[in-house]
Amino acid sequence: MQIIGYMTSHRKQHLEATDVAREFGYGREHFCRPFRKATGKTFKEFLTDLRLDDACRKLSGSSASIASIARECGFPDTRALQTAVQRKYGIRAQEYRERYENRN
């Protein structure tokens, strides 16, 4: 739970599994396997979902540019946000915004 809390509060920063493992006194391998077992997701999948949840709230509730939202939510670039939205919802970020505008 501490690790998830750490990831949640630092999701906007550049995070690597190795760095988070080290922060909590684990080696990368001894961190990644139990993390996946506990969450059902890899470190990267879990982090992307945290960022995507934040980005989707902003997409539906603000008029900020998609690039700006991507940066604010910790995505390395707009393409990473677009890919995450496409994988989860099957639509582009702009389409998500239009479909869910002002629902959150």
PDB file of N, CA and C in Angstrom:
ATOM      1  N   MET A   1       0.818  -1.200   0.000  1.00  0.00           N
ATOM      2  CA  MET A   1       0.000   0.000   0.000  1.00  0.00           C
ATOM      3  C   MET A   1       0.861   1.262   0.000  1.00  0.00           C
ATOM      4  N   GLN A   2       1.990   1.215   0.694  1.00  0.00           N
ATOM      5  CA  GLN A   2       2.878   2.378   0.703  1.00  0.00           C
ATOM      6  C   GLN A   2       3.416   2.650  -0.695  1.00  0.00           C
ATOM      7  N   ILE A   3       3.720   1.593  -1.411  1.00  0.00           N
ATOM      8  CA  ILE A   3       4.264   1.751  -2.764  1.00  0.00           C
ATOM      9  C   ILE A   3       3.208   2.373  -3.670  1.00  0.00           C
ATOM     10  N   ILE A   4       1.985   1.919  -3.581  1.00  0.00           N
ATOM     11  CA  ILE A   4       0.906   2.482  -4.401  1.00  0.00           C
ATOM     12  C   ILE A   4       0.675   3.943  -4.037  1.00  0.00           C
ATOM     13  N   GLY A   5       0.707   4.254  -2.761  1.00  0.00           N
ATOM     14  CA  GLY A   5       0.589   5.642  -2.326  1.00  0.00           C
ATOM     15  C   GLY A   5       1.715   6.503  -2.868  1.00  0.00           C
ATOM     16  N   TYR A   6       2.919   5.968  -2.843  1.00  0.00           N
ATOM     17  CA  TYR A   6       4.083   6.682  -3.383  1.00  0.00           C
ATOM     18  C   TYR A   6       3.897   6.936  -4.873  1.00  0.00           C
ATOM     19  N   MET A   7       3.488   5.900  -5.589  1.00  0.00           N
ATOM     20  CA  MET A   7       3.286   6.037  -7.035  1.00  0.00           C
ATOM     21  C   MET A   7       2.179   7.045  -7.336  1.00  0.00           C
ATOM     22  N   THR A   8       1.124   7.015  -6.559  1.00  0.00           N
ATOM     23  CA  THR A   8       0.013   7.936  -6.773  1.00  0.00           C
ATOM     24  C   THR A   8       0.462   9.376  -6.572  1.00  0.00           C
ATOM     25  N   SER A   9       1.215   9.619  -5.527  1.00  0.00           N
ATOM     26  CA  SER A   9       1.629  10.997  -5.253  1.00  0.00           C
ATOM     27  C   SER A   9       2.763  11.476  -6.145  1.00  0.00           C
ATOM     28  N   HIS A  10       3.485  10.558  -6.794  1.00  0.00           N
ATOM     29  CA  HIS A  10       4.592  10.931  -7.673  1.00  0.00           C
ATOM     30  C   HIS A  10       4.315  10.606  -9.143  1.00  0.00           C
ATOM     31  N   ARG A  11       3.059  10.326  -9.481  1.00  0.00           N
ATOM     32  CA  ARG A  11       2.718   9.877 -10.839  1.00  0.00           C
ATOM     33  C   ARG A  11       3.046  10.900 -11.924  1.00  0.00           C
ATOM     34  N   LYS A  12       3.138  12.158 -11.557  1.00  0.00           N
ATOM     35  CA  LYS A  12       3.412  13.204 -12.549  1.00  0.00           C
ATOM     36  C   LYS A  12       4.903  13.338 -12.844  1.00  0.00           C
ATOM     37  N   GLN A  13       5.709  12.664 -12.050  1.00  0.00           N
ATOM     38  CA  GLN A  13       7.155  12.702 -12.238  1.00  0.00           C
ATOM     39  C   GLN A  13       7.607  11.505 -13.063  1.00  0.00           C
ATOM     40  N   HIS A  14       8.839  11.570 -13.534  1.00  0.00           N
ATOM     41  CA  HIS A  14       9.415  10.427 -14.233  1.00  0.00           C
ATOM     42  C   HIS A  14       9.660   9.322 -13.206  1.00  0.00           C
ATOM     43  N   LEU A  15       9.016   8.191 -13.362  1.00  0.00           N
ATOM     44  CA  LEU A  15       9.172   7.070 -12.442  1.00  0.00           C
ATOM     45  C   LEU A  15       9.607   5.832 -13.202  1.00  0.00           C
ATOM     46  N   GLU A  16      10.573   5.142 -12.657  1.00  0.00           N
ATOM     47  CA  GLU A  16      11.032   3.860 -13.189  1.00  0.00           C
ATOM     48  C   GLU A  16      10.861   2.829 -12.081  1.00  0.00           C
ATOM     49  N   ALA A  17      10.573   1.605 -12.460  1.00  0.00           N
ATOM     50  CA  ALA A  17      10.408   0.536 -11.481  1.00  0.00           C
ATOM     51  C   ALA A  17      11.661   0.395 -10.614  1.00  0.00           C
ATOM     52  N   THR A  18      12.818   0.525 -11.226  1.00  0.00           N
ATOM     53  CA  THR A  18      14.079   0.400 -10.493  1.00  0.00           C
ATOM     54  C   THR A  18      14.184   1.444  -9.385  1.00  0.00           C
ATOM     55  N   ASP A  19      13.803   2.675  -9.690  1.00  0.00           N
ATOM     56  CA  ASP A  19      13.894   3.754  -8.706  1.00  0.00           C
ATOM     57  C   ASP A  19      12.913   3.555  -7.552  1.00  0.00           C
ATOM     58  N   VAL A  20      11.696   3.144  -7.875  1.00  0.00           N
ATOM     59  CA  VAL A  20      10.697   2.917  -6.827  1.00  0.00           C
ATOM     60  C   VAL A  20      11.116   1.718  -5.976  1.00  0.00           C
ATOM     61  N   ALA A  21      11.618   0.670  -6.604  1.00  0.00           N
ATOM     62  CA  ALA A  21      12.096  -0.495  -5.863  1.00  0.00           C
ATOM     63  C   ALA A  21      13.194  -0.078  -4.885  1.00  0.00           C
ATOM     64  N   ARG A  22      14.132   0.696  -5.365  1.00  0.00           N
ATOM     65  CA  ARG A  22      15.236   1.169  -4.522  1.00  0.00           C
ATOM     66  C   ARG A  22      14.719   2.026  -3.370  1.00  0.00           C
ATOM     67  N   GLU A  23      13.741   2.874  -3.654  1.00  0.00           N
ATOM     68  CA  GLU A  23      13.152   3.738  -2.621  1.00  0.00           C
ATOM     69  C   GLU A  23      12.605   2.919  -1.446  1.00  0.00           C
ATOM     70  N   PHE A  24      12.119   1.711  -1.731  1.00  0.00           N
ATOM     71  CA  PHE A  24      11.532   0.860  -0.701  1.00  0.00           C
ATOM     72  C   PHE A  24      12.424  -0.308  -0.299  1.00  0.00           C
ATOM     73  N   GLY A  25      13.688  -0.252  -0.731  1.00  0.00           N
ATOM     74  CA  GLY A  25      14.661  -1.253  -0.297  1.00  0.00           C
ATOM     75  C   GLY A  25      14.604  -2.584  -1.014  1.00  0.00           C
ATOM     76  N   TYR A  26      14.104  -2.605  -2.227  1.00  0.00           N
ATOM     77  CA  TYR A  26      14.028  -3.837  -3.018  1.00  0.00           C
ATOM     78  C   TYR A  26      14.939  -3.752  -4.229  1.00  0.00           C
ATOM     79  N   GLY A  27      15.329  -4.917  -4.723  1.00  0.00           N
ATOM     80  CA  GLY A  27      15.942  -4.995  -6.037  1.00  0.00           C
ATOM     81  C   GLY A  27      14.821  -4.999  -7.061  1.00  0.00           C
ATOM     82  N   ARG A  28      15.126  -4.673  -8.300  1.00  0.00           N
ATOM     83  CA  ARG A  28      14.094  -4.567  -9.330  1.00  0.00           C
ATOM     84  C   ARG A  28      13.295  -5.863  -9.480  1.00  0.00           C
ATOM     85  N   GLU A  29      13.985  -7.003  -9.589  1.00  0.00           N
ATOM     86  CA  GLU A  29      13.295  -8.284  -9.777  1.00  0.00           C
ATOM     87  C   GLU A  29      12.429  -8.651  -8.573  1.00  0.00           C
ATOM     88  N   HIS A  30      12.925  -8.383  -7.382  1.00  0.00           N
ATOM     89  CA  HIS A  30      12.167  -8.710  -6.174  1.00  0.00           C
ATOM     90  C   HIS A  30      11.046  -7.717  -5.925  1.00  0.00           C
ATOM     91  N   PHE A  31      10.998  -6.689  -6.712  1.00  0.00           N
ATOM     92  CA  PHE A  31       9.925  -5.700  -6.633  1.00  0.00           C
ATOM     93  C   PHE A  31       8.854  -5.986  -7.681  1.00  0.00           C
ATOM     94  N   CYS A  32       9.268  -6.215  -8.920  1.00  0.00           N
ATOM     95  CA  CYS A  32       8.316  -6.320 -10.040  1.00  0.00           C
ATOM     96  C   CYS A  32       7.392  -7.524  -9.949  1.00  0.00           C
ATOM     97  N   ARG A  33       7.921  -8.679  -9.600  1.00  0.00           N
ATOM     98  CA  ARG A  33       7.062  -9.873  -9.525  1.00  0.00           C
ATOM     99  C   ARG A  33       5.985  -9.748  -8.453  1.00  0.00           C
ATOM    100  N   PRO A  34       6.348  -9.397  -7.219  1.00  0.00           N
ATOM    101  CA  PRO A  34       5.292  -9.246  -6.204  1.00  0.00           C
ATOM    102  C   PRO A  34       4.333  -8.094  -6.513  1.00  0.00           C
ATOM    103  N   PHE A  35       4.838  -7.033  -7.149  1.00  0.00           N
ATOM    104  CA  PHE A  35       3.972  -5.908  -7.509  1.00  0.00           C
ATOM    105  C   PHE A  35       2.898  -6.380  -8.479  1.00  0.00           C
ATOM    106  N   ARG A  36       3.304  -7.119  -9.482  1.00  0.00           N
ATOM    107  CA  ARG A  36       2.338  -7.622 -10.462  1.00  0.00           C
ATOM    108  C   ARG A  36       1.351  -8.598  -9.823  1.00  0.00           C
ATOM    109  N   LYS A  37       1.855  -9.423  -8.947  1.00  0.00           N
ATOM    110  CA  LYS A  37       0.975 -10.384  -8.267  1.00  0.00           C
ATOM    111  C   LYS A  37      -0.056  -9.653  -7.407  1.00  0.00           C
ATOM    112  N   ALA A  38       0.362  -8.591  -6.746  1.00  0.00           N
ATOM    113  CA  ALA A  38      -0.538  -7.843  -5.856  1.00  0.00           C
ATOM    114  C   ALA A  38      -1.539  -6.973  -6.611  1.00  0.00           C
ATOM    115  N   THR A  39      -1.124  -6.403  -7.742  1.00  0.00           N
ATOM    116  CA  THR A  39      -1.991  -5.460  -8.458  1.00  0.00           C
ATOM    117  C   THR A  39      -2.638  -6.043  -9.703  1.00  0.00           C
ATOM    118  N   GLY A  40      -2.081  -7.124 -10.216  1.00  0.00           N
ATOM    119  CA  GLY A  40      -2.581  -7.697 -11.461  1.00  0.00           C
ATOM    120  C   GLY A  40      -2.073  -6.960 -12.690  1.00  0.00           C
ATOM    121  N   LYS A  41      -1.158  -6.015 -12.476  1.00  0.00           N
ATOM    122  CA  LYS A  41      -0.610  -5.213 -13.574  1.00  0.00           C
ATOM    123  C   LYS A  41       0.889  -5.061 -13.394  1.00  0.00           C
ATOM    124  N   THR A  42       1.572  -4.841 -14.496  1.00  0.00           N
ATOM    125  CA  THR A  42       2.986  -4.513 -14.392  1.00  0.00           C
ATOM    126  C   THR A  42       3.112  -3.102 -13.820  1.00  0.00           C
ATOM    127  N   PHE A  43       4.311  -2.766 -13.397  1.00  0.00           N
ATOM    128  CA  PHE A  43       4.569  -1.428 -12.875  1.00  0.00           C
ATOM    129  C   PHE A  43       4.165  -0.372 -13.905  1.00  0.00           C
ATOM    130  N   LYS A  44       4.581  -0.566 -15.143  1.00  0.00           N
ATOM    131  CA  LYS A  44       4.300   0.413 -16.195  1.00  0.00           C
ATOM    132  C   LYS A  44       2.797   0.520 -16.473  1.00  0.00           C
ATOM    133  N   GLU A  45       2.100  -0.606 -16.525  1.00  0.00           N
ATOM    134  CA  GLU A  45       0.653  -0.585 -16.749  1.00  0.00           C
ATOM    135  C   GLU A  45      -0.062   0.157 -15.618  1.00  0.00           C
ATOM    136  N   PHE A  46       0.346  -0.110 -14.392  1.00  0.00           N
ATOM    137  CA  PHE A  46      -0.279   0.529 -13.241  1.00  0.00           C
ATOM    138  C   PHE A  46      -0.045   2.033 -13.271  1.00  0.00           C
ATOM    139  N   LEU A  47       1.188   2.440 -13.541  1.00  0.00           N
ATOM    140  CA  LEU A  47       1.526   3.863 -13.602  1.00  0.00           C
ATOM    141  C   LEU A  47       0.773   4.550 -14.738  1.00  0.00           C
ATOM    142  N   THR A  48       0.707   3.910 -15.885  1.00  0.00           N
ATOM    143  CA  THR A  48      -0.025   4.479 -17.018  1.00  0.00           C
ATOM    144  C   THR A  48      -1.499   4.653 -16.674  1.00  0.00           C
ATOM    145  N   ASP A  49      -2.083   3.670 -15.992  1.00  0.00           N
ATOM    146  CA  ASP A  49      -3.490   3.789 -15.592  1.00  0.00           C
ATOM    147  C   ASP A  49      -3.711   4.942 -14.610  1.00  0.00           C
ATOM    148  N   LEU A  50      -2.785   5.135 -13.670  1.00  0.00           N
ATOM    149  CA  LEU A  50      -2.889   6.278 -12.755  1.00  0.00           C
ATOM    150  C   LEU A  50      -2.887   7.588 -13.533  1.00  0.00           C
ATOM    151  N   ARG A  51      -1.950   7.694 -14.444  1.00  0.00           N
ATOM    152  CA  ARG A  51      -1.826   8.913 -15.246  1.00  0.00           C
ATOM    153  C   ARG A  51      -3.034   9.091 -16.150  1.00  0.00           C
ATOM    154  N   LEU A  52      -3.517   8.005 -16.726  1.00  0.00           N
ATOM    155  CA  LEU A  52      -4.655   8.081 -17.632  1.00  0.00           C
ATOM    156  C   LEU A  52      -5.920   8.510 -16.905  1.00  0.00           C
ATOM    157  N   ASP A  53      -6.137   8.013 -15.713  1.00  0.00           N
ATOM    158  CA  ASP A  53      -7.307   8.434 -14.931  1.00  0.00           C
ATOM    159  C   ASP A  53      -7.277   9.944 -14.709  1.00  0.00           C
ATOM    160  N   ASP A  54      -6.116  10.453 -14.349  1.00  0.00           N
ATOM    161  CA  ASP A  54      -5.939  11.892 -14.136  1.00  0.00           C
ATOM    162  C   ASP A  54      -6.187  12.659 -15.442  1.00  0.00           C
ATOM    163  N   ALA A  55      -5.604  12.170 -16.519  1.00  0.00           N
ATOM    164  CA  ALA A  55      -5.740  12.837 -17.819  1.00  0.00           C
ATOM    165  C   ALA A  55      -7.190  12.831 -18.298  1.00  0.00           C
ATOM    166  N   CYS A  56      -7.897  11.751 -18.105  1.00  0.00           N
ATOM    167  CA  CYS A  56      -9.291  11.676 -18.553  1.00  0.00           C
ATOM    168  C   CYS A  56     -10.172  12.651 -17.788  1.00  0.00           C
ATOM    169  N   ARG A  57      -9.905  12.812 -16.491  1.00  0.00           N
ATOM    170  CA  ARG A  57     -10.648  13.821 -15.730  1.00  0.00           C
ATOM    171  C   ARG A  57     -10.397  15.210 -16.320  1.00  0.00           C
ATOM    172  N   LYS A  58      -9.164  15.487 -16.675  1.00  0.00           N
ATOM    173  CA  LYS A  58      -8.821  16.792 -17.228  1.00  0.00           C
ATOM    174  C   LYS A  58      -9.356  16.956 -18.651  1.00  0.00           C
ATOM    175  N   LEU A  59      -9.337  15.901 -19.435  1.00  0.00           N
ATOM    176  CA  LEU A  59      -9.872  15.981 -20.789  1.00  0.00           C
ATOM    177  C   LEU A  59     -11.357  16.323 -20.770  1.00  0.00           C
ATOM    178  N   SER A  60     -12.084  15.718 -19.843  1.00  0.00           N
ATOM    179  CA  SER A  60     -13.528  15.937 -19.817  1.00  0.00           C
ATOM    180  C   SER A  60     -13.924  17.176 -19.026  1.00  0.00           C
ATOM    181  N   GLY A  61     -12.990  17.765 -18.296  1.00  0.00           N
ATOM    182  CA  GLY A  61     -13.363  18.882 -17.447  1.00  0.00           C
ATOM    183  C   GLY A  61     -12.632  20.180 -17.704  1.00  0.00           C
ATOM    184  N   SER A  62     -11.785  20.229 -18.723  1.00  0.00           N
ATOM    185  CA  SER A  62     -11.075  21.479 -19.002  1.00  0.00           C
ATOM    186  C   SER A  62     -10.884  21.641 -20.501  1.00  0.00           C
ATOM    187  N   SER A  63     -10.522  22.835 -20.883  1.00  0.00           N
ATOM    188  CA  SER A  63     -10.277  23.101 -22.299  1.00  0.00           C
ATOM    189  C   SER A  63      -8.779  23.180 -22.597  1.00  0.00           C
ATOM    190  N   ALA A  64      -7.951  22.761 -21.651  1.00  0.00           N
ATOM    191  CA  ALA A  64      -6.497  22.762 -21.863  1.00  0.00           C
ATOM    192  C   ALA A  64      -6.160  21.865 -23.054  1.00  0.00           C
ATOM    193  N   SER A  65      -5.077  22.173 -23.712  1.00  0.00           N
ATOM    194  CA  SER A  65      -4.674  21.370 -24.873  1.00  0.00           C
ATOM    195  C   SER A  65      -4.310  19.952 -24.432  1.00  0.00           C
ATOM    196  N   ILE A  66      -4.420  19.032 -25.355  1.00  0.00           N
ATOM    197  CA  ILE A  66      -4.086  17.639 -25.065  1.00  0.00           C
ATOM    198  C   ILE A  66      -2.603  17.533 -24.716  1.00  0.00           C
ATOM    199  N   ALA A  67      -1.760  18.289 -25.388  1.00  0.00           N
ATOM    200  CA  ALA A  67      -0.320  18.285 -25.083  1.00  0.00           C
ATOM    201  C   ALA A  67      -0.075  18.765 -23.657  1.00  0.00           C
ATOM    202  N   SER A  68      -0.766  19.804 -23.257  1.00  0.00           N
ATOM    203  CA  SER A  68      -0.629  20.341 -21.905  1.00  0.00           C
ATOM    204  C   SER A  68      -1.093  19.321 -20.868  1.00  0.00           C
ATOM    205  N   ILE A  69      -2.195  18.680 -21.127  1.00  0.00           N
ATOM    206  CA  ILE A  69      -2.713  17.659 -20.208  1.00  0.00           C
ATOM    207  C   ILE A  69      -1.738  16.496 -20.110  1.00  0.00           C
ATOM    208  N   ALA A  70      -1.186  16.087 -21.229  1.00  0.00           N
ATOM    209  CA  ALA A  70      -0.206  14.992 -21.219  1.00  0.00           C
ATOM    210  C   ALA A  70       0.961  15.341 -20.301  1.00  0.00           C
ATOM    211  N   ARG A  71       1.500  16.538 -20.440  1.00  0.00           N
ATOM    212  CA  ARG A  71       2.625  16.974 -19.594  1.00  0.00           C
ATOM    213  C   ARG A  71       2.222  17.051 -18.125  1.00  0.00           C
ATOM    214  N   GLU A  72       1.064  17.635 -17.844  1.00  0.00           N
ATOM    215  CA  GLU A  72       0.589  17.791 -16.460  1.00  0.00           C
ATOM    216  C   GLU A  72       0.387  16.454 -15.756  1.00  0.00           C
ATOM    217  N   CYS A  73       0.031  15.440 -16.512  1.00  0.00           N
ATOM    218  CA  CYS A  73      -0.298  14.144 -15.922  1.00  0.00           C
ATOM    219  C   CYS A  73       0.879  13.170 -15.906  1.00  0.00           C
ATOM    220  N   GLY A  74       2.035  13.606 -16.385  1.00  0.00           N
ATOM    221  CA  GLY A  74       3.226  12.774 -16.304  1.00  0.00           C
ATOM    222  C   GLY A  74       3.534  11.932 -17.516  1.00  0.00           C
ATOM    223  N   PHE A  75       2.752  12.060 -18.579  1.00  0.00           N
ATOM    224  CA  PHE A  75       3.078  11.327 -19.796  1.00  0.00           C
ATOM    225  C   PHE A  75       4.309  11.961 -20.433  1.00  0.00           C
ATOM    226  N   PRO A  76       5.188  11.163 -21.006  1.00  0.00           N
ATOM    227  CA  PRO A  76       6.404  11.728 -21.598  1.00  0.00           C
ATOM    228  C   PRO A  76       6.127  12.644 -22.794  1.00  0.00           C
ATOM    229  N   ASP A  77       5.016  12.396 -23.478  1.00  0.00           N
ATOM    230  CA  ASP A  77       4.646  13.229 -24.618  1.00  0.00           C
ATOM    231  C   ASP A  77       3.183  12.978 -24.980  1.00  0.00           C
ATOM    232  N   THR A  78       2.686  13.748 -25.936  1.00  0.00           N
ATOM    233  CA  THR A  78       1.290  13.632 -26.353  1.00  0.00           C
ATOM    234  C   THR A  78       0.983  12.252 -26.918  1.00  0.00           C
ATOM    235  N   ARG A  79       1.925  11.724 -27.651  1.00  0.00           N
ATOM    236  CA  ARG A  79       1.717  10.411 -28.268  1.00  0.00           C
ATOM    237  C   ARG A  79       1.454   9.327 -27.217  1.00  0.00           C
ATOM    238  N   ALA A  80       2.170   9.389 -26.103  1.00  0.00           N
ATOM    239  CA  ALA A  80       1.975   8.396 -25.042  1.00  0.00           C
ATOM    240  C   ALA A  80       0.556   8.485 -24.477  1.00  0.00           C
ATOM    241  N   LEU A  81       0.053   9.698 -24.305  1.00  0.00           N
ATOM    242  CA  LEU A  81      -1.324   9.864 -23.842  1.00  0.00           C
ATOM    243  C   LEU A  81      -2.299   9.348 -24.888  1.00  0.00           C
ATOM    244  N   GLN A  82      -2.077   9.704 -26.144  1.00  0.00           N
ATOM    245  CA  GLN A  82      -2.963   9.243 -27.220  1.00  0.00           C
ATOM    246  C   GLN A  82      -3.006   7.713 -27.270  1.00  0.00           C
ATOM    247  N   THR A  83      -1.845   7.088 -27.144  1.00  0.00           N
ATOM    248  CA  THR A  83      -1.770   5.628 -27.175  1.00  0.00           C
ATOM    249  C   THR A  83      -2.527   5.014 -26.005  1.00  0.00           C
ATOM    250  N   ALA A  84      -2.368   5.586 -24.821  1.00  0.00           N
ATOM    251  CA  ALA A  84      -3.054   5.064 -23.635  1.00  0.00           C
ATOM    252  C   ALA A  84      -4.572   5.170 -23.778  1.00  0.00           C
ATOM    253  N   VAL A  85      -5.056   6.310 -24.264  1.00  0.00           N
ATOM    254  CA  VAL A  85      -6.502   6.490 -24.458  1.00  0.00           C
ATOM    255  C   VAL A  85      -7.009   5.505 -25.505  1.00  0.00           C
ATOM    256  N   GLN A  86      -6.278   5.371 -26.588  1.00  0.00           N
ATOM    257  CA  GLN A  86      -6.674   4.467 -27.669  1.00  0.00           C
ATOM    258  C   GLN A  86      -6.752   3.018 -27.175  1.00  0.00           C
ATOM    259  N   ARG A  87      -5.760   2.598 -26.403  1.00  0.00           N
ATOM    260  CA  ARG A  87      -5.751   1.217 -25.904  1.00  0.00           C
ATOM    261  C   ARG A  87      -6.904   0.942 -24.943  1.00  0.00           C
ATOM    262  N   LYS A  88      -7.179   1.886 -24.070  1.00  0.00           N
ATOM    263  CA  LYS A  88      -8.211   1.651 -23.058  1.00  0.00           C
ATOM    264  C   LYS A  88      -9.619   1.872 -23.587  1.00  0.00           C
ATOM    265  N   TYR A  89      -9.808   2.911 -24.409  1.00  0.00           N
ATOM    266  CA  TYR A  89     -11.161   3.290 -24.828  1.00  0.00           C
ATOM    267  C   TYR A  89     -11.442   3.092 -26.313  1.00  0.00           C
ATOM    268  N   GLY A  90     -10.405   2.837 -27.091  1.00  0.00           N
ATOM    269  CA  GLY A  90     -10.597   2.600 -28.521  1.00  0.00           C
ATOM    270  C   GLY A  90     -10.907   3.851 -29.323  1.00  0.00           C
ATOM    271  N   ILE A  91     -10.636   5.020 -28.751  1.00  0.00           N
ATOM    272  CA  ILE A  91     -10.867   6.285 -29.449  1.00  0.00           C
ATOM    273  C   ILE A  91      -9.697   7.226 -29.179  1.00  0.00           C
ATOM    274  N   ARG A  92      -9.605   8.280 -29.969  1.00  0.00           N
ATOM    275  CA  ARG A  92      -8.568   9.291 -29.779  1.00  0.00           C
ATOM    276  C   ARG A  92      -8.908  10.173 -28.575  1.00  0.00           C
ATOM    277  N   ALA A  93      -7.901  10.843 -28.042  1.00  0.00           N
ATOM    278  CA  ALA A  93      -8.098  11.701 -26.866  1.00  0.00           C
ATOM    279  C   ALA A  93      -9.119  12.802 -27.152  1.00  0.00           C
ATOM    280  N   GLN A  94      -9.080  13.378 -28.340  1.00  0.00           N
ATOM    281  CA  GLN A  94     -10.039  14.430 -28.688  1.00  0.00           C
ATOM    282  C   GLN A  94     -11.464  13.877 -28.716  1.00  0.00           C
ATOM    283  N   GLU A  95     -11.614  12.669 -29.236  1.00  0.00           N
ATOM    284  CA  GLU A  95     -12.935  12.038 -29.244  1.00  0.00           C
ATOM    285  C   GLU A  95     -13.410  11.762 -27.818  1.00  0.00           C
ATOM    286  N   TYR A  96     -12.487  11.334 -26.952  1.00  0.00           N
ATOM    287  CA  TYR A  96     -12.829  11.114 -25.550  1.00  0.00           C
ATOM    288  C   TYR A  96     -13.340  12.422 -24.953  1.00  0.00           C
ATOM    289  N   ARG A  97     -12.617  13.496 -25.202  1.00  0.00           N
ATOM    290  CA  ARG A  97     -13.002  14.812 -24.675  1.00  0.00           C
ATOM    291  C   ARG A  97     -14.410  15.184 -25.139  1.00  0.00           C
ATOM    292  N   GLU A  98     -14.686  15.024 -26.412  1.00  0.00           N
ATOM    293  CA  GLU A  98     -15.991  15.397 -26.960  1.00  0.00           C
ATOM    294  C   GLU A  98     -17.107  14.522 -26.391  1.00  0.00           C
ATOM    295  N   ARG A  99     -16.815  13.257 -26.213  1.00  0.00           N
ATOM    296  CA  ARG A  99     -17.830  12.318 -25.733  1.00  0.00           C
ATOM    297  C   ARG A  99     -18.145  12.515 -24.251  1.00  0.00           C
ATOM    298  N   TYR A 100     -17.133  12.806 -23.455  1.00  0.00           N
ATOM    299  CA  TYR A 100     -17.318  12.867 -22.004  1.00  0.00           C
ATOM    300  C   TYR A 100     -17.179  14.250 -21.404  1.00  0.00           C
ATOM    301  N   GLU A 101     -17.220  15.270 -22.224  1.00  0.00           N
ATOM    302  CA  GLU A 101     -17.047  16.648 -21.760  1.00  0.00           C
ATOM    303  C   GLU A 101     -18.035  16.985 -20.650  1.00  0.00           C
ATOM    304  N   ASN A 102     -17.502  17.574 -19.577  1.00  0.00           N
ATOM    305  CA  ASN A 102     -18.270  18.053 -18.423  1.00  0.00           C
ATOM    306  C   ASN A 102     -19.039  16.957 -17.666  1.00  0.00           C
ATOM    307  N   ARG A 103     -18.611  15.711 -17.774  1.00  0.00           N
ATOM    308  CA  ARG A 103     -19.264  14.634 -17.018  1.00  0.00           C
ATOM    309  C   ARG A 103     -18.622  14.400 -15.666  1.00  0.00           C
ATOM    310  N   ASN A 104     -17.394  14.906 -15.475  1.00  0.00           N
ATOM    311  CA  ASN A 104     -16.701  14.670 -14.188  1.00  0.00           C
ATOM    312  C   ASN A 104     -16.777  15.889 -13.324  1.00  0.00           C
TER     313      ASN A 104
END
